[in-house]
PDB file of N, CA and C in Angstrom:
ATOM      1  N   UNK A   1       1.008  -1.322  -0.114  1.00  0.00           N
ATOM      2  CA  UNK A   1      -0.197   0.005  -0.011  1.00  0.00           C
ATOM      3  C   UNK A   1       0.830   1.308   0.050  1.00  0.00           C
ATOM      4  N   UNK A   2       0.611   1.503  -1.302  1.00  0.00           N
ATOM      5  CA  UNK A   2       1.358   3.039  -1.068  1.00  0.00           C
ATOM      6  C   UNK A   2       1.159   4.198   0.392  1.00  0.00           C
ATOM      7  N   UNK A   3       1.352   5.054  -0.074  1.00  0.00           N
ATOM      8  CA  UNK A   3       1.616   6.639   0.875  1.00  0.00           C
ATOM      9  C   UNK A   3       0.176   7.367   0.048  1.00  0.00           C
ATOM     10  N   UNK A   4       0.215   7.721  -1.032  1.00  0.00           N
ATOM     11  CA  UNK A   4      -0.894   8.177  -1.156  1.00  0.00           C
ATOM     12  C   UNK A   4      -2.196   7.482  -0.911  1.00  0.00           C
ATOM     13  N   UNK A   5      -2.332   5.927  -1.275  1.00  0.00           N
ATOM     14  CA  UNK A   5      -3.420   4.948  -1.216  1.00  0.00           C
ATOM     15  C   UNK A   5      -3.866   5.035  -0.041  1.00  0.00           C
ATOM     16  N   UNK A   6      -3.141   5.355   1.307  1.00  0.00           N
ATOM     17  CA  UNK A   6      -2.868   5.276   2.947  1.00  0.00           C
ATOM     18  C   UNK A   6      -3.978   6.513   3.163  1.00  0.00           C
ATOM     19  N   UNK A   7      -3.162   8.150   2.840  1.00  0.00           N
ATOM     20  CA  UNK A   7      -3.514   9.305   2.596  1.00  0.00           C
ATOM     21  C   UNK A   7      -4.995   9.139   2.442  1.00  0.00           C
ATOM     22  N   UNK A   8      -5.928   8.471   1.016  1.00  0.00           N
ATOM     23  CA  UNK A   8      -6.682   8.353   0.486  1.00  0.00           C
ATOM     24  C   UNK A   8      -7.906   7.514   1.466  1.00  0.00           C
ATOM     25  N   UNK A   9      -7.192   6.169   2.355  1.00  0.00           N
ATOM     26  CA  UNK A   9      -8.342   6.150   2.519  1.00  0.00           C
ATOM     27  C   UNK A   9      -8.353   7.004   3.684  1.00  0.00           C
ATOM     28  N   UNK A  10      -7.776   7.366   4.836  1.00  0.00           N
ATOM     29  CA  UNK A  10      -7.822   8.069   6.090  1.00  0.00           C
ATOM     30  C   UNK A  10      -8.807   9.117   5.637  1.00  0.00           C
ATOM     31  N   UNK A  11      -8.600  10.110   4.619  1.00  0.00           N
ATOM     32  CA  UNK A  11      -9.396  10.660   4.355  1.00  0.00           C
ATOM     33  C   UNK A  11     -10.796  10.808   4.013  1.00  0.00           C
ATOM     34  N   UNK A  12     -11.064   9.378   3.341  1.00  0.00           N
ATOM     35  CA  UNK A  12     -12.670   8.622   3.113  1.00  0.00           C
ATOM     36  C   UNK A  12     -13.141   8.551   4.396  1.00  0.00           C
ATOM     37  N   UNK A  13     -12.129   8.106   5.532  1.00  0.00           N
ATOM     38  CA  UNK A  13     -13.315   7.522   7.191  1.00  0.00           C
ATOM     39  C   UNK A  13     -13.290   8.677   7.568  1.00  0.00           C
ATOM     40  N   UNK A  14     -11.785   9.833   7.388  1.00  0.00           N
ATOM     41  CA  UNK A  14     -12.430  11.043   8.446  1.00  0.00           C
ATOM     42  C   UNK A  14     -14.008  11.624   7.380  1.00  0.00           C
ATOM     43  N   UNK A  15     -13.953  11.677   6.390  1.00  0.00           N
ATOM     44  CA  UNK A  15     -15.279  12.347   5.620  1.00  0.00           C
ATOM     45  C   UNK A  15     -16.572  11.708   6.060  1.00  0.00           C
ATOM     46  N   UNK A  16     -16.738  10.532   6.011  1.00  0.00           N
ATOM     47  CA  UNK A  16     -17.592   9.643   6.480  1.00  0.00           C
ATOM     48  C   UNK A  16     -18.210   9.786   7.920  1.00  0.00           C
ATOM     49  N   UNK A  17     -17.321   9.730   8.799  1.00  0.00           N
ATOM     50  CA  UNK A  17     -17.100  10.138  10.124  1.00  0.00           C
ATOM     51  C   UNK A  17     -17.784  11.407  10.311  1.00  0.00           C
ATOM     52  N   UNK A  18     -17.376  12.945   9.431  1.00  0.00           N
ATOM     53  CA  UNK A  18     -17.702  14.176   9.967  1.00  0.00           C
ATOM     54  C   UNK A  18     -19.689  14.099   8.982  1.00  0.00           C
ATOM     55  N   UNK A  19     -19.841  13.360   8.111  1.00  0.00           N
ATOM     56  CA  UNK A  19     -20.937  13.791   7.750  1.00  0.00           C
ATOM     57  C   UNK A  19     -22.298  12.920   8.440  1.00  0.00           C
ATOM     58  N   UNK A  20     -21.823  12.021   9.487  1.00  0.00           N
ATOM     59  CA  UNK A  20     -22.721  11.372  10.065  1.00  0.00           C
ATOM     60  C   UNK A  20     -22.960  12.557  11.598  1.00  0.00           C
ATOM     61  N   UNK A  21     -24.482  12.407  11.050  1.00  0.00           N
ATOM     62  CA  UNK A  21     -25.027  13.360  12.734  1.00  0.00           C
ATOM     63  C   UNK A  21     -24.594  12.869  13.657  1.00  0.00           C
ATOM     64  N   UNK A  22     -24.254  14.029  14.633  1.00  0.00           N
ATOM     65  CA  UNK A  22     -23.737  13.794  16.085  1.00  0.00           C
ATOM     66  C   UNK A  22     -24.755  12.907  16.955  1.00  0.00           C
ATOM     67  N   UNK A  23     -25.584  13.116  16.846  1.00  0.00           N
ATOM     68  CA  UNK A  23     -26.572  11.596  17.829  1.00  0.00           C
ATOM     69  C   UNK A  23     -26.254  10.598  17.197  1.00  0.00           C
ATOM     70  N   UNK A  24     -25.695  10.421  15.432  1.00  0.00           N
ATOM     71  CA  UNK A  24     -25.690   8.980  15.448  1.00  0.00           C
ATOM     72  C   UNK A  24     -24.243   8.420  15.859  1.00  0.00           C
ATOM     73  N   UNK A  25     -23.185   9.490  16.023  1.00  0.00           N
ATOM     74  CA  UNK A  25     -21.609   9.006  16.551  1.00  0.00           C
ATOM     75  C   UNK A  25     -21.719   8.522  17.847  1.00  0.00           C
ATOM     76  N   UNK A  26     -22.944   9.492  18.754  1.00  0.00           N
ATOM     77  CA  UNK A  26     -22.910   9.636  20.294  1.00  0.00           C
ATOM     78  C   UNK A  26     -23.322   8.101  20.208  1.00  0.00           C
ATOM     79  N   UNK A  27     -24.756   8.283  19.829  1.00  0.00           N
ATOM     80  CA  UNK A  27     -25.076   6.328  19.817  1.00  0.00           C
ATOM     81  C   UNK A  27     -24.214   5.643  19.560  1.00  0.00           C
ATOM     82  N   UNK A  28     -23.611   5.567  18.743  1.00  0.00           N
ATOM     83  CA  UNK A  28     -22.062   4.185  17.959  1.00  0.00           C
ATOM     84  C   UNK A  28     -21.142   4.287  19.191  1.00  0.00           C
ATOM     85  N   UNK A  29     -20.802   5.210  19.912  1.00  0.00           N
ATOM     86  CA  UNK A  29     -20.181   5.382  20.685  1.00  0.00           C
ATOM     87  C   UNK A  29     -20.484   4.821  22.030  1.00  0.00           C
ATOM     88  N   UNK A  30     -21.463   5.129  22.498  1.00  0.00           N
ATOM     89  CA  UNK A  30     -22.547   4.382  23.935  1.00  0.00           C
ATOM     90  C   UNK A  30     -22.385   2.911  23.575  1.00  0.00           C
ATOM     91  N   UNK A  31     -22.633   2.367  22.109  1.00  0.00           N
ATOM     92  CA  UNK A  31     -22.957   1.317  21.728  1.00  0.00           C
ATOM     93  C   UNK A  31     -21.273   0.610  22.567  1.00  0.00           C
ATOM     94  N   UNK A  32     -20.339   1.512  22.001  1.00  0.00           N
ATOM     95  CA  UNK A  32     -18.838   0.431  21.934  1.00  0.00           C
ATOM     96  C   UNK A  32     -18.306   0.275  23.114  1.00  0.00           C
ATOM     97  N   UNK A  33     -19.096   1.230  23.913  1.00  0.00           N
ATOM     98  CA  UNK A  33     -19.135   1.335  25.334  1.00  0.00           C
ATOM     99  C   UNK A  33     -19.479   0.419  26.479  1.00  0.00           C
ATOM    100  N   UNK A  34     -20.798   0.128  25.944  1.00  0.00           N
ATOM    101  CA  UNK A  34     -21.815  -0.862  26.733  1.00  0.00           C
ATOM    102  C   UNK A  34     -21.088  -2.154  25.868  1.00  0.00           C
ATOM    103  N   UNK A  35     -20.413  -2.811  24.615  1.00  0.00           N
ATOM    104  CA  UNK A  35     -19.948  -3.762  24.361  1.00  0.00           C
ATOM    105  C   UNK A  35     -18.459  -4.117  24.804  1.00  0.00           C
ATOM    106  N   UNK A  36     -17.942  -3.130  25.832  1.00  0.00           N
ATOM    107  CA  UNK A  36     -16.676  -3.833  25.875  1.00  0.00           C
ATOM    108  C   UNK A  36     -16.580  -4.849  26.828  1.00  0.00           C
ATOM    109  N   UNK A  37     -15.328  -5.487  27.082  1.00  0.00           N
ATOM    110  CA  UNK A  37     -15.416  -6.726  27.982  1.00  0.00           C
ATOM    111  C   UNK A  37     -15.087  -5.672  29.600  1.00  0.00           C
ATOM    112  N   UNK A  38     -14.864  -6.721  30.320  1.00  0.00           N
ATOM    113  CA  UNK A  38     -14.788  -6.357  31.789  1.00  0.00           C
ATOM    114  C   UNK A  38     -13.429  -5.980  31.838  1.00  0.00           C
ATOM    115  N   UNK A  39     -12.933  -5.110  32.669  1.00  0.00           N
ATOM    116  CA  UNK A  39     -11.699  -4.241  32.621  1.00  0.00           C
ATOM    117  C   UNK A  39     -10.533  -5.653  33.053  1.00  0.00           C
ATOM    118  N   UNK A  40     -11.007  -6.537  34.222  1.00  0.00           N
ATOM    119  CA  UNK A  40     -10.117  -7.352  34.328  1.00  0.00           C
ATOM    120  C   UNK A  40      -9.598  -8.011  33.187  1.00  0.00           C
ATOM    121  N   UNK A  41     -10.773  -8.447  32.299  1.00  0.00           N
ATOM    122  CA  UNK A  41     -10.608  -9.808  31.256  1.00  0.00           C
ATOM    123  C   UNK A  41      -9.758  -8.722  30.198  1.00  0.00           C
ATOM    124  N   UNK A  42      -9.932  -7.691  30.470  1.00  0.00           N
ATOM    125  CA  UNK A  42      -9.006  -6.530  29.510  1.00  0.00           C
ATOM    126  C   UNK A  42      -7.886  -6.537  29.256  1.00  0.00           C
ATOM    127  N   UNK A  43      -7.455  -6.541  31.042  1.00  0.00           N
ATOM    128  CA  UNK A  43      -5.612  -6.414  31.741  1.00  0.00           C
ATOM    129  C   UNK A  43      -4.965  -7.806  31.746  1.00  0.00           C
ATOM    130  N   UNK A  44      -6.348  -9.000  32.042  1.00  0.00           N
ATOM    131  CA  UNK A  44      -5.048  -9.919  32.327  1.00  0.00           C
ATOM    132  C   UNK A  44      -5.467 -10.874  31.424  1.00  0.00           C
ATOM    133  N   UNK A  45      -6.710 -10.748  29.797  1.00  0.00           N
ATOM    134  CA  UNK A  45      -6.569 -11.951  29.633  1.00  0.00           C
ATOM    135  C   UNK A  45      -7.818 -13.194  30.009  1.00  0.00           C
ATOM    136  N   UNK A  46      -7.687 -14.491  29.602  1.00  0.00           N
ATOM    137  CA  UNK A  46      -8.637 -15.433  29.388  1.00  0.00           C
ATOM    138  C   UNK A  46      -8.020 -16.038  31.692  1.00  0.00           C
ATOM    139  N   UNK A  47      -6.925 -15.496  32.326  1.00  0.00           N
ATOM    140  CA  UNK A  47      -6.969 -15.861  33.115  1.00  0.00           C
ATOM    141  C   UNK A  47      -8.366 -15.331  34.450  1.00  0.00           C
ATOM    142  N   UNK A  48      -8.410 -14.153  34.384  1.00  0.00           N
ATOM    143  CA  UNK A  48      -9.935 -14.040  34.864  1.00  0.00           C
ATOM    144  C   UNK A  48     -10.552 -15.227  35.501  1.00  0.00           C
ATOM    145  N   UNK A  49     -11.031 -14.804  33.749  1.00  0.00           N
ATOM    146  CA  UNK A  49     -12.435 -16.329  33.921  1.00  0.00           C
ATOM    147  C   UNK A  49     -12.539 -17.230  33.951  1.00  0.00           C
ATOM    148  N   UNK A  50     -11.025 -18.196  33.764  1.00  0.00           N
ATOM    149  CA  UNK A  50     -10.462 -19.546  33.849  1.00  0.00           C
ATOM    150  C   UNK A  50     -10.818 -19.770  35.354  1.00  0.00           C
ATOM    151  N   UNK A  51     -10.338 -18.388  36.416  1.00  0.00           N
ATOM    152  CA  UNK A  51     -10.361 -18.781  37.848  1.00  0.00           C
ATOM    153  C   UNK A  51     -11.251 -18.544  38.117  1.00  0.00           C
ATOM    154  N   UNK A  52     -12.218 -18.045  37.860  1.00  0.00           N
ATOM    155  CA  UNK A  52     -14.050 -18.070  38.330  1.00  0.00           C
ATOM    156  C   UNK A  52     -14.564 -19.308  38.118  1.00  0.00           C
ATOM    157  N   UNK A  53     -13.967 -19.750  36.877  1.00  0.00           N
ATOM    158  CA  UNK A  53     -15.011 -20.711  36.506  1.00  0.00           C
ATOM    159  C   UNK A  53     -14.340 -22.335  37.557  1.00  0.00           C
ATOM    160  N   UNK A  54     -13.375 -22.002  37.878  1.00  0.00           N
ATOM    161  CA  UNK A  54     -12.672 -23.142  38.850  1.00  0.00           C
ATOM    162  C   UNK A  54     -13.304 -22.600  39.428  1.00  0.00           C
ATOM    163  N   UNK A  55     -13.363 -21.913  40.539  1.00  0.00           N
ATOM    164  CA  UNK A  55     -13.836 -21.924  41.816  1.00  0.00           C
ATOM    165  C   UNK A  55     -15.411 -21.918  41.626  1.00  0.00           C
ATOM    166  N   UNK A  56     -16.295 -21.596  40.598  1.00  0.00           N
ATOM    167  CA  UNK A  56     -17.454 -21.627  40.719  1.00  0.00           C
ATOM    168  C   UNK A  56     -17.660 -23.011  40.481  1.00  0.00           C
ATOM    169  N   UNK A  57     -17.029 -23.673  39.930  1.00  0.00           N
ATOM    170  CA  UNK A  57     -17.107 -25.696  39.612  1.00  0.00           C
ATOM    171  C   UNK A  57     -16.714 -25.980  41.171  1.00  0.00           C
ATOM    172  N   UNK A  58     -16.053 -25.552  41.756  1.00  0.00           N
ATOM    173  CA  UNK A  58     -15.629 -25.955  43.416  1.00  0.00           C
ATOM    174  C   UNK A  58     -17.049 -25.607  44.446  1.00  0.00           C
ATOM    175  N   UNK A  59     -17.494 -24.549  44.103  1.00  0.00           N
ATOM    176  CA  UNK A  59     -18.121 -24.351  45.127  1.00  0.00           C
ATOM    177  C   UNK A  59     -19.519 -25.320  44.859  1.00  0.00           C
ATOM    178  N   UNK A  60     -19.972 -25.754  43.072  1.00  0.00           N
ATOM    179  CA  UNK A  60     -21.428 -26.389  43.186  1.00  0.00           C
ATOM    180  C   UNK A  60     -20.920 -27.725  43.854  1.00  0.00           C
ATOM    181  N   UNK A  61     -19.465 -28.168  43.301  1.00  0.00           N
ATOM    182  CA  UNK A  61     -19.674 -29.697  43.645  1.00  0.00           C
ATOM    183  C   UNK A  61     -19.588 -30.181  45.824  1.00  0.00           C
ATOM    184  N   UNK A  62     -19.282 -28.478  46.243  1.00  0.00           N
ATOM    185  CA  UNK A  62     -19.139 -29.092  47.499  1.00  0.00           C
ATOM    186  C   UNK A  62     -20.817 -29.359  48.349  1.00  0.00           C
TER     187      UNK A  62
END
């Protein structure tokens, strides 16, 4: 990909974002915030989920 293609792509993306009404941009931003994974998962990956499943199974077995 040449620099000209990259600049063209970036310009197209900026123009499409600017052409959207502000309420649409805000709603898309809120949807992304709601679908974000928990902070522990984001920082540490699969380990917190694995530990929670392990401890949950131990509690059920007792």
